[in-house]
Every structure is written in structure tokens, then in C-alpha cells.
Amino acid sequence: MAMAEQIERALQVLSPIHIELINESHKHNVPEGSESHWNVVVVSEAFEGQRLVKRQRTVYGALKAEMAGGIHALTMKTLTPTEWSAVGGAVSNPSPECLGGSKHDT
């Protein structure tokens, strides 16, 4: 199963009303076709009353197996349905630029 499917399936524990998955592996020094660097947007009532760190821990908990076996980097935006509605159902979640890690760096 593709990593995107694994991530989406694992996040179902949060009963999300919206999930966006962007594979950003191509921006990094990984083999072509890799699925190791992800940017996710998750909208869920499960985040109600939670601070950002708790939301992130909740997502990492849901993705424990994927983090241990395939995901190298994860950027996330976590929103409640109210927050999602307030931004018009769209968010910008840019990942930072890759700062290296090339096997050719000395």
C-alpha cells in the first residue's frame, strides 16, 4: 500500500472532516519516487480544546507505525472545523526549504 494511503487510513482514528496529503520527497535528496517527506493538513473535532503541541502529538500518535517505518519528515497543520471554516476551507502550509543533507556535501 502506498504511504499516502497508509497515512490517510491511520488518520481516520481522528474522524477528520478534511485531510490533505502532499508528498514533498522530491524536494529532498532521496531516490525518485520516494514517499518519505510529507506535508499534511488535518481538520478534526478531535482537536477541539487542544493546544498546538497536543494536536501534533495526537497526529504523531496516530502515525506511530508510519513514522517508524517510512516517514522521515512530517510538516502538519491541524485545525478544528471552526478554524477551518474561519479560513474559508483553505490553508497555506508551506514547508521549509531543504537545507542540505546531500550525500555529495563535504
Protein backbone atom coordinates (compact mmCIF):
# COMPACT_ATOMS: atom_id res chain seq x y z
CA MET A 1 0.00 0.00 0.00
CA ALA A 2 1.27 3.47 -0.88
CA MET A 3 2.36 5.65 2.03
CA ALA A 4 -0.37 8.22 1.25
CA GLU A 5 -2.99 5.50 1.72
CA GLN A 6 -1.34 4.37 4.96
CA ILE A 7 -1.29 7.94 6.30
CA GLU A 8 -4.90 8.59 5.36
CA ARG A 9 -6.02 5.29 6.87
CA ALA A 10 -4.10 5.90 10.11
CA LEU A 11 -5.55 9.40 10.49
CA GLN A 12 -9.11 8.05 10.33
CA VAL A 13 -8.84 7.46 14.08
CA LEU A 14 -9.29 11.25 14.37
CA SER A 15 -12.56 11.20 12.36
CA PRO A 16 -11.27 14.01 10.14
CA ILE A 17 -13.63 16.13 8.09
CA HIS A 18 -10.74 17.06 5.79
CA ILE A 19 -7.27 15.68 5.03
CA GLU A 20 -4.71 16.99 2.55
CA LEU A 21 -1.57 14.95 1.88
CA ILE A 22 1.32 16.37 -0.12
CA ASN A 23 4.35 14.22 -0.86
CA GLU A 24 7.32 16.61 -0.71
CA SER A 25 10.01 13.95 -1.06
CA HIS A 26 11.03 15.26 -4.48
CA LYS A 27 12.36 18.40 -2.74
CA HIS A 28 14.94 16.36 -0.86
CA ASN A 29 17.95 14.17 -1.54
CA VAL A 30 16.04 10.89 -1.77
CA PRO A 31 15.57 8.40 -4.61
CA GLU A 32 12.98 9.27 -7.24
CA GLY A 33 9.54 8.01 -6.28
CA SER A 34 10.23 8.21 -2.53
CA GLU A 35 7.40 8.77 -0.07
CA SER A 36 9.40 9.89 2.94
CA HIS A 37 8.67 13.63 3.34
CA TRP A 38 5.05 14.68 3.89
CA ASN A 39 3.02 17.82 4.42
CA VAL A 40 -0.42 17.17 5.90
CA VAL A 41 -3.44 19.25 6.76
CA VAL A 42 -5.89 17.60 9.15
CA VAL A 43 -9.23 19.08 10.20
CA SER A 44 -10.91 17.28 13.09
CA GLU A 45 -13.19 17.86 16.03
CA ALA A 46 -10.67 15.80 17.99
CA PHE A 47 -8.52 18.95 18.17
CA GLU A 48 -11.17 20.99 20.00
CA GLY A 49 -9.70 22.45 23.19
CA GLN A 50 -6.18 21.21 22.39
CA ARG A 51 -3.13 23.42 22.13
CA LEU A 52 -0.86 23.06 19.10
CA VAL A 53 1.63 20.71 20.77
CA LYS A 54 -1.14 18.37 21.92
CA ARG A 55 -2.61 18.34 18.40
CA GLN A 56 0.76 17.46 16.93
CA ARG A 57 1.28 14.71 19.48
CA THR A 58 -2.16 13.36 18.59
CA VAL A 59 -1.22 13.20 14.90
CA TYR A 60 2.18 11.64 15.67
CA GLY A 61 0.42 9.07 17.84
CA ALA A 62 -1.95 8.18 15.02
CA LEU A 63 1.03 7.86 12.64
CA LYS A 64 3.31 5.95 15.03
CA ALA A 65 3.77 2.96 12.73
CA GLU A 66 4.30 5.11 9.64
CA MET A 67 6.84 7.30 11.45
CA ALA A 68 8.75 4.17 12.47
CA GLY A 69 8.68 2.67 9.01
CA GLY A 70 8.85 5.12 6.17
CA ILE A 71 8.12 8.73 7.05
CA HIS A 72 11.32 10.69 7.57
CA ALA A 73 9.82 14.18 7.86
CA LEU A 74 6.33 15.46 8.57
CA THR A 75 5.03 19.02 8.37
CA MET A 76 1.48 19.45 9.61
CA LYS A 77 -1.32 21.93 10.02
CA THR A 78 -4.01 20.86 12.48
CA LEU A 79 -7.35 22.68 12.63
CA THR A 80 -10.72 22.33 14.26
CA PRO A 81 -13.79 22.57 12.00
CA THR A 82 -14.42 26.09 13.34
CA GLU A 83 -10.86 27.16 12.49
CA TRP A 84 -11.17 25.51 9.07
CA SER A 85 -14.37 27.40 8.39
CA ALA A 86 -12.81 30.68 9.57
CA VAL A 87 -10.06 30.39 6.94
CA GLY A 88 -12.55 29.59 4.20
CA GLY A 89 -11.66 25.92 3.91
CA ALA A 90 -8.16 26.54 2.61
CA VAL A 91 -4.80 26.97 4.28
CA SER A 92 -1.28 27.56 3.19
CA ASN A 93 1.08 25.15 4.87
CA PRO A 94 4.45 25.75 3.24
CA SER A 95 7.28 23.51 4.32
CA PRO A 96 10.70 24.97 4.98
CA GLU A 97 13.23 24.59 2.20
CA CYS A 98 15.58 21.63 2.44
CA LEU A 99 18.88 22.83 3.91
CA GLY A 100 21.07 20.11 2.54
CA GLY A 101 21.76 16.62 3.64
CA SER A 102 23.11 15.80 0.22
CA LYS A 103 25.35 12.77 0.03
CA HIS A 104 27.63 14.97 -2.05
CA ASP A 105 28.14 17.58 0.72
CA THR A 106 31.54 17.53 2.37
